[in-house]
């Protein structure tokens, strides 16, 4: 099965981000495909290179980067939501790219399921 994932919540404010990551990881481990993850609303903070968690905490941005690199996942950040929150190319973490809502629509069409995490 092919899953597209949409993340709508920020990095450390809500359980949704951790749940989305764990879902994507588990789906891949079970042999499913996750070709694209779309970050929208406060979810765009998952792509900020300025995030610096304490050493004893999980580094959510780094986890996304590693998962994407290992499994060739397209990590798309909504341009409108990103700009509203100060996320630009200059502070975008490696492995993420900025694009429009068309990428979300395309992911939903091409996937068997679109799974949304967060409000």
PDB file of N, CA and C in Angstrom:
ATOM      1  N   UNK A   1       0.842  -1.174   0.000  1.00  0.00           N
ATOM      2  CA  UNK A   1       0.000   0.000   0.000  1.00  0.00           C
ATOM      3  C   UNK A   1       0.890   1.240   0.000  1.00  0.00           C
ATOM      4  N   UNK A   2       0.420   2.289  -0.642  1.00  0.00           N
ATOM      5  CA  UNK A   2       1.150   3.548  -0.736  1.00  0.00           C
ATOM      6  C   UNK A   2       0.447   4.592   0.132  1.00  0.00           C
ATOM      7  N   UNK A   3       1.200   5.140   1.107  1.00  0.00           N
ATOM      8  CA  UNK A   3       0.672   6.156   2.013  1.00  0.00           C
ATOM      9  C   UNK A   3       1.290   7.521   1.723  1.00  0.00           C
ATOM     10  N   UNK A   4       0.456   8.535   1.674  1.00  0.00           N
ATOM     11  CA  UNK A   4       0.912   9.928   1.713  1.00  0.00           C
ATOM     12  C   UNK A   4       0.569  10.421   3.116  1.00  0.00           C
ATOM     13  N   UNK A   5       1.443  11.219   3.685  1.00  0.00           N
ATOM     14  CA  UNK A   5       1.255  11.680   5.062  1.00  0.00           C
ATOM     15  C   UNK A   5       1.262  13.207   5.090  1.00  0.00           C
ATOM     16  N   UNK A   6       0.341  13.769   5.876  1.00  0.00           N
ATOM     17  CA  UNK A   6       0.304  15.211   6.086  1.00  0.00           C
ATOM     18  C   UNK A   6       0.477  15.479   7.578  1.00  0.00           C
ATOM     19  N   UNK A   7       1.427  16.365   7.910  1.00  0.00           N
ATOM     20  CA  UNK A   7       1.719  16.720   9.296  1.00  0.00           C
ATOM     21  C   UNK A   7       1.332  18.179   9.501  1.00  0.00           C
ATOM     22  N   UNK A   8       0.420  18.430  10.443  1.00  0.00           N
ATOM     23  CA  UNK A   8      -0.111  19.773  10.670  1.00  0.00           C
ATOM     24  C   UNK A   8       0.319  20.421  11.978  1.00  0.00           C
ATOM     25  N   UNK A   9       1.097  19.738  12.786  1.00  0.00           N
ATOM     26  CA  UNK A   9       1.465  20.265  14.103  1.00  0.00           C
ATOM     27  C   UNK A   9       2.967  20.495  14.210  1.00  0.00           C
ATOM     28  N   UNK A  10       3.338  21.380  15.122  1.00  0.00           N
ATOM     29  CA  UNK A  10       4.733  21.751  15.320  1.00  0.00           C
ATOM     30  C   UNK A  10       5.571  20.649  15.921  1.00  0.00           C
ATOM     31  N   UNK A  11       6.834  20.928  16.037  1.00  0.00           N
ATOM     32  CA  UNK A  11       7.822  19.926  16.400  1.00  0.00           C
ATOM     33  C   UNK A  11       7.653  19.371  17.811  1.00  0.00           C
ATOM     34  N   UNK A  12       7.546  20.225  18.797  1.00  0.00           N
ATOM     35  CA  UNK A  12       7.503  19.750  20.187  1.00  0.00           C
ATOM     36  C   UNK A  12       6.221  20.129  20.913  1.00  0.00           C
ATOM     37  N   UNK A  13       5.252  20.709  20.213  1.00  0.00           N
ATOM     38  CA  UNK A  13       4.035  21.170  20.868  1.00  0.00           C
ATOM     39  C   UNK A  13       2.940  20.123  20.942  1.00  0.00           C
ATOM     40  N   UNK A  14       3.039  19.073  20.179  1.00  0.00           N
ATOM     41  CA  UNK A  14       1.905  18.170  20.016  1.00  0.00           C
ATOM     42  C   UNK A  14       2.391  16.759  19.717  1.00  0.00           C
ATOM     43  N   UNK A  15       1.652  15.784  20.141  1.00  0.00           N
ATOM     44  CA  UNK A  15       1.994  14.383  19.907  1.00  0.00           C
ATOM     45  C   UNK A  15       1.915  13.992  18.433  1.00  0.00           C
ATOM     46  N   UNK A  16       1.182  14.758  17.644  1.00  0.00           N
ATOM     47  CA  UNK A  16       0.951  14.406  16.238  1.00  0.00           C
ATOM     48  C   UNK A  16       2.237  14.203  15.451  1.00  0.00           C
ATOM     49  N   UNK A  17       3.235  15.017  15.702  1.00  0.00           N
ATOM     50  CA  UNK A  17       4.486  14.890  14.959  1.00  0.00           C
ATOM     51  C   UNK A  17       5.170  13.565  15.254  1.00  0.00           C
ATOM     52  N   UNK A  18       5.240  13.212  16.527  1.00  0.00           N
ATOM     53  CA  UNK A  18       5.831  11.917  16.883  1.00  0.00           C
ATOM     54  C   UNK A  18       5.015  10.765  16.309  1.00  0.00           C
ATOM     55  N   UNK A  19       3.700  10.891  16.357  1.00  0.00           N
ATOM     56  CA  UNK A  19       2.829   9.841  15.816  1.00  0.00           C
ATOM     57  C   UNK A  19       3.015   9.684  14.310  1.00  0.00           C
ATOM     58  N   UNK A  20       3.137  10.807  13.600  1.00  0.00           N
ATOM     59  CA  UNK A  20       3.343  10.760  12.150  1.00  0.00           C
ATOM     60  C   UNK A  20       4.661  10.066  11.817  1.00  0.00           C
ATOM     61  N   UNK A  21       5.693  10.422  12.544  1.00  0.00           N
ATOM     62  CA  UNK A  21       7.007   9.801  12.325  1.00  0.00           C
ATOM     63  C   UNK A  21       6.948   8.295  12.587  1.00  0.00           C
ATOM     64  N   UNK A  22       6.363   7.920  13.728  1.00  0.00           N
ATOM     65  CA  UNK A  22       6.275   6.497  14.071  1.00  0.00           C
ATOM     66  C   UNK A  22       5.425   5.726  13.058  1.00  0.00           C
ATOM     67  N   UNK A  23       4.344   6.355  12.584  1.00  0.00           N
ATOM     68  CA  UNK A  23       3.492   5.718  11.571  1.00  0.00           C
ATOM     69  C   UNK A  23       4.283   5.488  10.287  1.00  0.00           C
ATOM     70  N   UNK A  24       4.980   6.517   9.818  1.00  0.00           N
ATOM     71  CA  UNK A  24       5.755   6.391   8.581  1.00  0.00           C
ATOM     72  C   UNK A  24       6.818   5.301   8.713  1.00  0.00           C
ATOM     73  N   UNK A  25       7.505   5.312   9.815  1.00  0.00           N
ATOM     74  CA  UNK A  25       8.557   4.319  10.060  1.00  0.00           C
ATOM     75  C   UNK A  25       7.977   2.899  10.086  1.00  0.00           C
ATOM     76  N   UNK A  26       6.870   2.722  10.790  1.00  0.00           N
ATOM     77  CA  UNK A  26       6.239   1.391  10.888  1.00  0.00           C
ATOM     78  C   UNK A  26       5.705   0.929   9.535  1.00  0.00           C
ATOM     79  N   UNK A  27       5.114   1.838   8.788  1.00  0.00           N
ATOM     80  CA  UNK A  27       4.584   1.476   7.463  1.00  0.00           C
ATOM     81  C   UNK A  27       5.706   0.989   6.553  1.00  0.00           C
ATOM     82  N   UNK A  28       6.822   1.696   6.561  1.00  0.00           N
ATOM     83  CA  UNK A  28       7.958   1.304   5.734  1.00  0.00           C
ATOM     84  C   UNK A  28       8.510  -0.043   6.176  1.00  0.00           C
ATOM     85  N   UNK A  29       8.611  -0.253   7.483  1.00  0.00           N
ATOM     86  CA  UNK A  29       9.111  -1.529   8.008  1.00  0.00           C
ATOM     87  C   UNK A  29       8.216  -2.702   7.620  1.00  0.00           C
ATOM     88  N   UNK A  30       6.922  -2.429   7.424  1.00  0.00           N
ATOM     89  CA  UNK A  30       5.976  -3.480   7.026  1.00  0.00           C
ATOM     90  C   UNK A  30       5.906  -3.657   5.504  1.00  0.00           C
ATOM     91  N   UNK A  31       6.734  -2.896   4.777  1.00  0.00           N
ATOM     92  CA  UNK A  31       6.805  -3.061   3.334  1.00  0.00           C
ATOM     93  C   UNK A  31       5.930  -2.112   2.526  1.00  0.00           C
ATOM     94  N   UNK A  32       5.303  -1.166   3.179  1.00  0.00           N
ATOM     95  CA  UNK A  32       4.488  -0.179   2.469  1.00  0.00           C
ATOM     96  C   UNK A  32       5.376   0.954   1.956  1.00  0.00           C
ATOM     97  N   UNK A  33       4.839   1.743   1.051  1.00  0.00           N
ATOM     98  CA  UNK A  33       5.566   2.889   0.507  1.00  0.00           C
ATOM     99  C   UNK A  33       5.061   4.185   1.135  1.00  0.00           C
ATOM    100  N   UNK A  34       5.976   5.096   1.382  1.00  0.00           N
ATOM    101  CA  UNK A  34       5.644   6.451   1.820  1.00  0.00           C
ATOM    102  C   UNK A  34       6.430   7.395   0.898  1.00  0.00           C
ATOM    103  N   UNK A  35       5.871   7.699  -0.264  1.00  0.00           N
ATOM    104  CA  UNK A  35       6.622   8.508  -1.225  1.00  0.00           C
ATOM    105  C   UNK A  35       6.730   9.994  -0.855  1.00  0.00           C
ATOM    106  N   UNK A  36       5.748  10.522  -0.120  1.00  0.00           N
ATOM    107  CA  UNK A  36       5.783  11.955   0.194  1.00  0.00           C
ATOM    108  C   UNK A  36       5.165  12.216   1.566  1.00  0.00           C
ATOM    109  N   UNK A  37       5.797  13.154   2.284  1.00  0.00           N
ATOM    110  CA  UNK A  37       5.237  13.679   3.526  1.00  0.00           C
ATOM    111  C   UNK A  37       5.104  15.180   3.328  1.00  0.00           C
ATOM    112  N   UNK A  38       3.906  15.696   3.585  1.00  0.00           N
ATOM    113  CA  UNK A  38       3.612  17.113   3.365  1.00  0.00           C
ATOM    114  C   UNK A  38       3.435  17.791   4.718  1.00  0.00           C
ATOM    115  N   UNK A  39       4.176  18.865   4.940  1.00  0.00           N
ATOM    116  CA  UNK A  39       4.131  19.609   6.198  1.00  0.00           C
ATOM    117  C   UNK A  39       3.343  20.892   5.974  1.00  0.00           C
ATOM    118  N   UNK A  40       2.282  21.055   6.769  1.00  0.00           N
ATOM    119  CA  UNK A  40       1.336  22.152   6.573  1.00  0.00           C
ATOM    120  C   UNK A  40       1.033  22.800   7.920  1.00  0.00           C
ATOM    121  N   UNK A  41       0.463  23.988   7.918  1.00  0.00           N
ATOM    122  CA  UNK A  41       0.173  24.753   9.140  1.00  0.00           C
ATOM    123  C   UNK A  41       1.430  24.802  10.014  1.00  0.00           C
ATOM    124  N   UNK A  42       1.300  24.556  11.323  1.00  0.00           N
ATOM    125  CA  UNK A  42       2.473  24.576  12.203  1.00  0.00           C
ATOM    126  C   UNK A  42       3.428  23.411  11.934  1.00  0.00           C
ATOM    127  N   UNK A  43       3.002  22.459  11.148  1.00  0.00           N
ATOM    128  CA  UNK A  43       3.860  21.338  10.773  1.00  0.00           C
ATOM    129  C   UNK A  43       5.112  21.773  10.031  1.00  0.00           C
ATOM    130  N   UNK A  44       5.095  22.972   9.455  1.00  0.00           N
ATOM    131  CA  UNK A  44       6.276  23.456   8.733  1.00  0.00           C
ATOM    132  C   UNK A  44       7.477  23.632   9.661  1.00  0.00           C
ATOM    133  N   UNK A  45       7.236  23.781  10.957  1.00  0.00           N
ATOM    134  CA  UNK A  45       8.345  23.908  11.897  1.00  0.00           C
ATOM    135  C   UNK A  45       9.207  22.647  11.950  1.00  0.00           C
ATOM    136  N   UNK A  46       8.673  21.524  11.477  1.00  0.00           N
ATOM    137  CA  UNK A  46       9.447  20.285  11.404  1.00  0.00           C
ATOM    138  C   UNK A  46      10.622  20.413  10.447  1.00  0.00           C
ATOM    139  N   UNK A  47      10.586  21.416   9.582  1.00  0.00           N
ATOM    140  CA  UNK A  47      11.616  21.598   8.562  1.00  0.00           C
ATOM    141  C   UNK A  47      12.587  22.727   8.876  1.00  0.00           C
ATOM    142  N   UNK A  48      12.549  23.262  10.055  1.00  0.00           N
ATOM    143  CA  UNK A  48      13.414  24.395  10.405  1.00  0.00           C
ATOM    144  C   UNK A  48      14.811  23.927  10.805  1.00  0.00           C
ATOM    145  N   UNK A  49      15.806  24.498  10.166  1.00  0.00           N
ATOM    146  CA  UNK A  49      17.191  24.181  10.536  1.00  0.00           C
ATOM    147  C   UNK A  49      17.592  24.881  11.826  1.00  0.00           C
ATOM    148  N   UNK A  50      16.732  25.762  12.338  1.00  0.00           N
ATOM    149  CA  UNK A  50      17.029  26.518  13.552  1.00  0.00           C
ATOM    150  C   UNK A  50      16.627  25.780  14.830  1.00  0.00           C
ATOM    151  N   UNK A  51      15.990  24.636  14.686  1.00  0.00           N
ATOM    152  CA  UNK A  51      15.559  23.852  15.843  1.00  0.00           C
ATOM    153  C   UNK A  51      16.769  23.232  16.535  1.00  0.00           C
ATOM    154  N   UNK A  52      16.902  23.484  17.843  1.00  0.00           N
ATOM    155  CA  UNK A  52      18.007  22.928  18.623  1.00  0.00           C
ATOM    156  C   UNK A  52      17.482  22.360  19.936  1.00  0.00           C
ATOM    157  N   UNK A  53      17.079  21.097  19.936  1.00  0.00           N
ATOM    158  CA  UNK A  53      16.586  20.499  21.184  1.00  0.00           C
ATOM    159  C   UNK A  53      17.735  20.225  22.155  1.00  0.00           C
ATOM    160  N   UNK A  54      17.421  20.106  23.446  1.00  0.00           N
ATOM    161  CA  UNK A  54      18.452  19.728  24.419  1.00  0.00           C
ATOM    162  C   UNK A  54      19.063  18.374  24.030  1.00  0.00           C
ATOM    163  N   UNK A  55      20.286  18.144  24.448  1.00  0.00           N
ATOM    164  CA  UNK A  55      20.990  16.918  24.076  1.00  0.00           C
ATOM    165  C   UNK A  55      20.277  15.644  24.536  1.00  0.00           C
ATOM    166  N   UNK A  56      19.524  15.735  25.629  1.00  0.00           N
ATOM    167  CA  UNK A  56      18.856  14.544  26.145  1.00  0.00           C
ATOM    168  C   UNK A  56      17.444  14.366  25.590  1.00  0.00           C
ATOM    169  N   UNK A  57      17.062  15.186  24.618  1.00  0.00           N
ATOM    170  CA  UNK A  57      15.725  15.096  24.012  1.00  0.00           C
ATOM    171  C   UNK A  57      15.867  14.588  22.585  1.00  0.00           C
ATOM    172  N   UNK A  58      14.780  14.107  22.027  1.00  0.00           N
ATOM    173  CA  UNK A  58      14.798  13.623  20.651  1.00  0.00           C
ATOM    174  C   UNK A  58      14.913  14.810  19.696  1.00  0.00           C
ATOM    175  N   UNK A  59      15.628  14.603  18.605  1.00  0.00           N
ATOM    176  CA  UNK A  59      15.777  15.628  17.590  1.00  0.00           C
ATOM    177  C   UNK A  59      14.844  15.266  16.434  1.00  0.00           C
ATOM    178  N   UNK A  60      13.661  15.837  16.464  1.00  0.00           N
ATOM    179  CA  UNK A  60      12.620  15.459  15.513  1.00  0.00           C
ATOM    180  C   UNK A  60      13.010  15.818  14.079  1.00  0.00           C
ATOM    181  N   UNK A  61      13.591  16.977  13.876  1.00  0.00           N
ATOM    182  CA  UNK A  61      13.999  17.382  12.524  1.00  0.00           C
ATOM    183  C   UNK A  61      15.007  16.388  11.972  1.00  0.00           C
ATOM    184  N   UNK A  62      15.964  16.016  12.779  1.00  0.00           N
ATOM    185  CA  UNK A  62      16.987  15.054  12.368  1.00  0.00           C
ATOM    186  C   UNK A  62      16.375  13.687  12.053  1.00  0.00           C
ATOM    187  N   UNK A  63      15.392  13.281  12.846  1.00  0.00           N
ATOM    188  CA  UNK A  63      14.734  11.989  12.577  1.00  0.00           C
ATOM    189  C   UNK A  63      14.055  11.998  11.215  1.00  0.00           C
ATOM    190  N   UNK A  64      13.340  13.100  10.898  1.00  0.00           N
ATOM    191  CA  UNK A  64      12.699  13.201   9.580  1.00  0.00           C
ATOM    192  C   UNK A  64      13.742  13.124   8.476  1.00  0.00           C
ATOM    193  N   UNK A  65      14.851  13.852   8.658  1.00  0.00           N
ATOM    194  CA  UNK A  65      15.901  13.881   7.638  1.00  0.00           C
ATOM    195  C   UNK A  65      16.462  12.485   7.389  1.00  0.00           C
ATOM    196  N   UNK A  66      16.728  11.767   8.449  1.00  0.00           N
ATOM    197  CA  UNK A  66      17.296  10.426   8.329  1.00  0.00           C
ATOM    198  C   UNK A  66      16.308   9.487   7.637  1.00  0.00           C
ATOM    199  N   UNK A  67      15.044   9.526   8.042  1.00  0.00           N
ATOM    200  CA  UNK A  67      14.028   8.667   7.437  1.00  0.00           C
ATOM    201  C   UNK A  67      13.895   8.954   5.944  1.00  0.00           C
ATOM    202  N   UNK A  68      13.863  10.235   5.590  1.00  0.00           N
ATOM    203  CA  UNK A  68      13.715  10.625   4.186  1.00  0.00           C
ATOM    204  C   UNK A  68      14.899  10.162   3.354  1.00  0.00           C
ATOM    205  N   UNK A  69      16.091  10.336   3.894  1.00  0.00           N
ATOM    206  CA  UNK A  69      17.292   9.953   3.165  1.00  0.00           C
ATOM    207  C   UNK A  69      17.372   8.443   2.965  1.00  0.00           C
ATOM    208  N   UNK A  70      17.068   7.691   4.002  1.00  0.00           N
ATOM    209  CA  UNK A  70      17.160   6.228   3.930  1.00  0.00           C
ATOM    210  C   UNK A  70      16.107   5.611   3.018  1.00  0.00           C
ATOM    211  N   UNK A  71      14.940   6.269   2.884  1.00  0.00           N
ATOM    212  CA  UNK A  71      13.823   5.668   2.152  1.00  0.00           C
ATOM    213  C   UNK A  71      13.341   6.514   0.976  1.00  0.00           C
ATOM    214  N   UNK A  72      14.137   7.499   0.591  1.00  0.00           N
ATOM    215  CA  UNK A  72      13.830   8.324  -0.577  1.00  0.00           C
ATOM    216  C   UNK A  72      12.435   8.946  -0.499  1.00  0.00           C
ATOM    217  N   UNK A  73      12.146   9.582   0.621  1.00  0.00           N
ATOM    218  CA  UNK A  73      10.841  10.223   0.834  1.00  0.00           C
ATOM    219  C   UNK A  73      10.945  11.692   0.461  1.00  0.00           C
ATOM    220  N   UNK A  74       9.986  12.166  -0.304  1.00  0.00           N
ATOM    221  CA  UNK A  74       9.906  13.570  -0.688  1.00  0.00           C
ATOM    222  C   UNK A  74       9.274  14.331   0.479  1.00  0.00           C
ATOM    223  N   UNK A  75      10.049  15.218   1.105  1.00  0.00           N
ATOM    224  CA  UNK A  75       9.599  15.975   2.269  1.00  0.00           C
ATOM    225  C   UNK A  75       9.239  17.382   1.806  1.00  0.00           C
ATOM    226  N   UNK A  76       7.940  17.665   1.677  1.00  0.00           N
ATOM    227  CA  UNK A  76       7.474  18.921   1.102  1.00  0.00           C
ATOM    228  C   UNK A  76       6.877  19.819   2.186  1.00  0.00           C
ATOM    229  N   UNK A  77       7.287  21.083   2.170  1.00  0.00           N
ATOM    230  CA  UNK A  77       6.824  22.080   3.117  1.00  0.00           C
ATOM    231  C   UNK A  77       5.964  23.083   2.349  1.00  0.00           C
ATOM    232  N   UNK A  78       4.756  23.336   2.834  1.00  0.00           N
ATOM    233  CA  UNK A  78       3.853  24.282   2.181  1.00  0.00           C
ATOM    234  C   UNK A  78       4.457  25.680   2.209  1.00  0.00           C
ATOM    235  N   UNK A  79       4.580  26.298   1.041  1.00  0.00           N
ATOM    236  CA  UNK A  79       5.221  27.608   0.947  1.00  0.00           C
ATOM    237  C   UNK A  79       4.457  28.690   1.697  1.00  0.00           C
ATOM    238  N   UNK A  80       3.135  28.729   1.573  1.00  0.00           N
ATOM    239  CA  UNK A  80       2.350  29.775   2.236  1.00  0.00           C
ATOM    240  C   UNK A  80       2.451  29.651   3.761  1.00  0.00           C
ATOM    241  N   UNK A  81       2.297  28.435   4.268  1.00  0.00           N
ATOM    242  CA  UNK A  81       2.392  28.211   5.713  1.00  0.00           C
ATOM    243  C   UNK A  81       3.810  28.499   6.213  1.00  0.00           C
ATOM    244  N   UNK A  82       4.800  28.140   5.424  1.00  0.00           N
ATOM    245  CA  UNK A  82       6.195  28.352   5.816  1.00  0.00           C
ATOM    246  C   UNK A  82       6.517  29.839   5.911  1.00  0.00           C
ATOM    247  N   UNK A  83       6.152  30.587   4.894  1.00  0.00           N
ATOM    248  CA  UNK A  83       6.464  32.014   4.897  1.00  0.00           C
ATOM    249  C   UNK A  83       5.772  32.742   6.038  1.00  0.00           C
ATOM    250  N   UNK A  84       4.536  32.349   6.360  1.00  0.00           N
ATOM    251  CA  UNK A  84       3.828  32.964   7.490  1.00  0.00           C
ATOM    252  C   UNK A  84       4.563  32.740   8.806  1.00  0.00           C
ATOM    253  N   UNK A  85       5.325  31.658   8.872  1.00  0.00           N
ATOM    254  CA  UNK A  85       5.992  31.282  10.121  1.00  0.00           C
ATOM    255  C   UNK A  85       7.511  31.522  10.082  1.00  0.00           C
ATOM    256  N   UNK A  86       7.974  32.204   9.058  1.00  0.00           N
ATOM    257  CA  UNK A  86       9.391  32.552   8.979  1.00  0.00           C
ATOM    258  C   UNK A  86      10.296  31.455   8.472  1.00  0.00           C
ATOM    259  N   UNK A  87       9.731  30.429   7.868  1.00  0.00           N
ATOM    260  CA  UNK A  87      10.552  29.360   7.293  1.00  0.00           C
ATOM    261  C   UNK A  87      10.797  29.705   5.829  1.00  0.00           C
ATOM    262  N   UNK A  88      12.066  29.831   5.468  1.00  0.00           N
ATOM    263  CA  UNK A  88      12.459  30.163   4.099  1.00  0.00           C
ATOM    264  C   UNK A  88      13.550  29.202   3.652  1.00  0.00           C
ATOM    265  N   UNK A  89      13.959  29.303   2.408  1.00  0.00           N
ATOM    266  CA  UNK A  89      15.039  28.458   1.888  1.00  0.00           C
ATOM    267  C   UNK A  89      16.292  28.596   2.748  1.00  0.00           C
ATOM    268  N   UNK A  90      16.547  29.797   3.262  1.00  0.00           N
ATOM    269  CA  UNK A  90      17.769  30.055   4.024  1.00  0.00           C
ATOM    270  C   UNK A  90      17.805  29.334   5.373  1.00  0.00           C
ATOM    271  N   UNK A  91      16.653  28.994   5.933  1.00  0.00           N
ATOM    272  CA  UNK A  91      16.651  28.278   7.215  1.00  0.00           C
ATOM    273  C   UNK A  91      15.887  26.956   7.132  1.00  0.00           C
ATOM    274  N   UNK A  92      15.788  26.428   5.918  1.00  0.00           N
ATOM    275  CA  UNK A  92      15.144  25.136   5.690  1.00  0.00           C
ATOM    276  C   UNK A  92      16.163  24.029   5.929  1.00  0.00           C
ATOM    277  N   UNK A  93      15.802  23.047   6.719  1.00  0.00           N
ATOM    278  CA  UNK A  93      16.700  21.930   7.004  1.00  0.00           C
ATOM    279  C   UNK A  93      16.934  21.110   5.737  1.00  0.00           C
ATOM    280  N   UNK A  94      18.115  20.540   5.645  1.00  0.00           N
ATOM    281  CA  UNK A  94      18.475  19.704   4.502  1.00  0.00           C
ATOM    282  C   UNK A  94      17.502  18.533   4.384  1.00  0.00           C
ATOM    283  N   UNK A  95      17.139  18.202   3.165  1.00  0.00           N
ATOM    284  CA  UNK A  95      16.238  17.084   2.923  1.00  0.00           C
ATOM    285  C   UNK A  95      14.791  17.498   2.753  1.00  0.00           C
ATOM    286  N   UNK A  96      14.463  18.734   3.074  1.00  0.00           N
ATOM    287  CA  UNK A  96      13.117  19.269   2.895  1.00  0.00           C
ATOM    288  C   UNK A  96      13.126  20.203   1.689  1.00  0.00           C
ATOM    289  N   UNK A  97      11.953  20.389   1.088  1.00  0.00           N
ATOM    290  CA  UNK A  97      11.847  21.368   0.011  1.00  0.00           C
ATOM    291  C   UNK A  97      10.527  22.117   0.163  1.00  0.00           C
ATOM    292  N   UNK A  98      10.516  23.349  -0.303  1.00  0.00           N
ATOM    293  CA  UNK A  98       9.329  24.194  -0.224  1.00  0.00           C
ATOM    294  C   UNK A  98       8.583  24.111  -1.549  1.00  0.00           C
ATOM    295  N   UNK A  99       7.267  23.929  -1.464  1.00  0.00           N
ATOM    296  CA  UNK A  99       6.429  23.883  -2.666  1.00  0.00           C
ATOM    297  C   UNK A  99       5.000  24.238  -2.269  1.00  0.00           C
ATOM    298  N   UNK A 100       4.078  24.116  -3.208  1.00  0.00           N
ATOM    299  CA  UNK A 100       2.697  24.512  -2.967  1.00  0.00           C
ATOM    300  C   UNK A 100       1.771  23.355  -2.641  1.00  0.00           C
ATOM    301  N   UNK A 101       0.505  23.711  -2.437  1.00  0.00           N
ATOM    302  CA  UNK A 101      -0.519  22.715  -2.098  1.00  0.00           C
ATOM    303  C   UNK A 101      -0.751  21.697  -3.211  1.00  0.00           C
ATOM    304  N   UNK A 102      -0.351  22.028  -4.423  1.00  0.00           N
ATOM    305  CA  UNK A 102      -0.480  21.068  -5.518  1.00  0.00           C
ATOM    306  C   UNK A 102       0.246  19.771  -5.227  1.00  0.00           C
ATOM    307  N   UNK A 103       1.346  19.849  -4.467  1.00  0.00           N
ATOM    308  CA  UNK A 103       2.097  18.650  -4.099  1.00  0.00           C
ATOM    309  C   UNK A 103       1.292  17.762  -3.147  1.00  0.00           C
ATOM    310  N   UNK A 104       0.478  18.380  -2.298  1.00  0.00           N
ATOM    311  CA  UNK A 104      -0.397  17.613  -1.414  1.00  0.00           C
ATOM    312  C   UNK A 104      -1.489  16.934  -2.221  1.00  0.00           C
ATOM    313  N   UNK A 105      -2.087  17.667  -3.136  1.00  0.00           N
ATOM    314  CA  UNK A 105      -3.137  17.094  -3.986  1.00  0.00           C
ATOM    315  C   UNK A 105      -2.583  15.924  -4.788  1.00  0.00           C
ATOM    316  N   UNK A 106      -1.432  16.122  -5.396  1.00  0.00           N
ATOM    317  CA  UNK A 106      -0.804  15.061  -6.179  1.00  0.00           C
ATOM    318  C   UNK A 106      -0.517  13.826  -5.325  1.00  0.00           C
ATOM    319  N   UNK A 107      -0.008  14.049  -4.112  1.00  0.00           N
ATOM    320  CA  UNK A 107       0.276  12.929  -3.211  1.00  0.00           C
ATOM    321  C   UNK A 107      -0.997  12.166  -2.876  1.00  0.00           C
ATOM    322  N   UNK A 108      -2.075  12.901  -2.622  1.00  0.00           N
ATOM    323  CA  UNK A 108      -3.352  12.262  -2.306  1.00  0.00           C
ATOM    324  C   UNK A 108      -3.897  11.447  -3.468  1.00  0.00           C
ATOM    325  N   UNK A 109      -3.703  11.933  -4.668  1.00  0.00           N
ATOM    326  CA  UNK A 109      -4.184  11.212  -5.860  1.00  0.00           C
ATOM    327  C   UNK A 109      -3.363   9.948  -6.099  1.00  0.00           C
ATOM    328  N   UNK A 110      -2.051  10.052  -5.947  1.00  0.00           N
ATOM    329  CA  UNK A 110      -1.165   8.935  -6.259  1.00  0.00           C
ATOM    330  C   UNK A 110      -1.114   7.866  -5.165  1.00  0.00           C
ATOM    331  N   UNK A 111      -1.480   8.222  -3.951  1.00  0.00           N
ATOM    332  CA  UNK A 111      -1.427   7.276  -2.825  1.00  0.00           C
ATOM    333  C   UNK A 111      -2.735   6.513  -2.696  1.00  0.00           C
ATOM    334  N   UNK A 112      -2.647   5.375  -2.021  1.00  0.00           N
ATOM    335  CA  UNK A 112      -3.852   4.614  -1.681  1.00  0.00           C
ATOM    336  C   UNK A 112      -4.574   5.279  -0.520  1.00  0.00           C
ATOM    337  N   UNK A 113      -3.815   5.886   0.379  1.00  0.00           N
ATOM    338  CA  UNK A 113      -4.380   6.552   1.557  1.00  0.00           C
ATOM    339  C   UNK A 113      -3.583   7.820   1.851  1.00  0.00           C
ATOM    340  N   UNK A 114      -4.305   8.865   2.238  1.00  0.00           N
ATOM    341  CA  UNK A 114      -3.686  10.083   2.764  1.00  0.00           C
ATOM    342  C   UNK A 114      -3.990  10.103   4.251  1.00  0.00           C
ATOM    343  N   UNK A 115      -2.948  10.049   5.063  1.00  0.00           N
ATOM    344  CA  UNK A 115      -3.110  10.000   6.511  1.00  0.00           C
ATOM    345  C   UNK A 115      -2.689  11.357   7.069  1.00  0.00           C
ATOM    346  N   UNK A 116      -3.604  11.983   7.841  1.00  0.00           N
ATOM    347  CA  UNK A 116      -3.379  13.322   8.365  1.00  0.00           C
ATOM    348  C   UNK A 116      -3.133  13.257   9.871  1.00  0.00           C
ATOM    349  N   UNK A 117      -2.078  13.947  10.308  1.00  0.00           N
ATOM    350  CA  UNK A 117      -1.753  14.008  11.727  1.00  0.00           C
ATOM    351  C   UNK A 117      -1.862  15.451  12.183  1.00  0.00           C
ATOM    352  N   UNK A 118      -2.723  15.703  13.162  1.00  0.00           N
ATOM    353  CA  UNK A 118      -2.935  17.035  13.698  1.00  0.00           C
ATOM    354  C   UNK A 118      -4.170  17.683  13.124  1.00  0.00           C
ATOM    355  N   UNK A 119      -4.555  18.787  13.734  1.00  0.00           N
ATOM    356  CA  UNK A 119      -5.771  19.497  13.327  1.00  0.00           C
ATOM    357  C   UNK A 119      -5.603  20.202  12.006  1.00  0.00           C
TER     358      UNK A 119
END
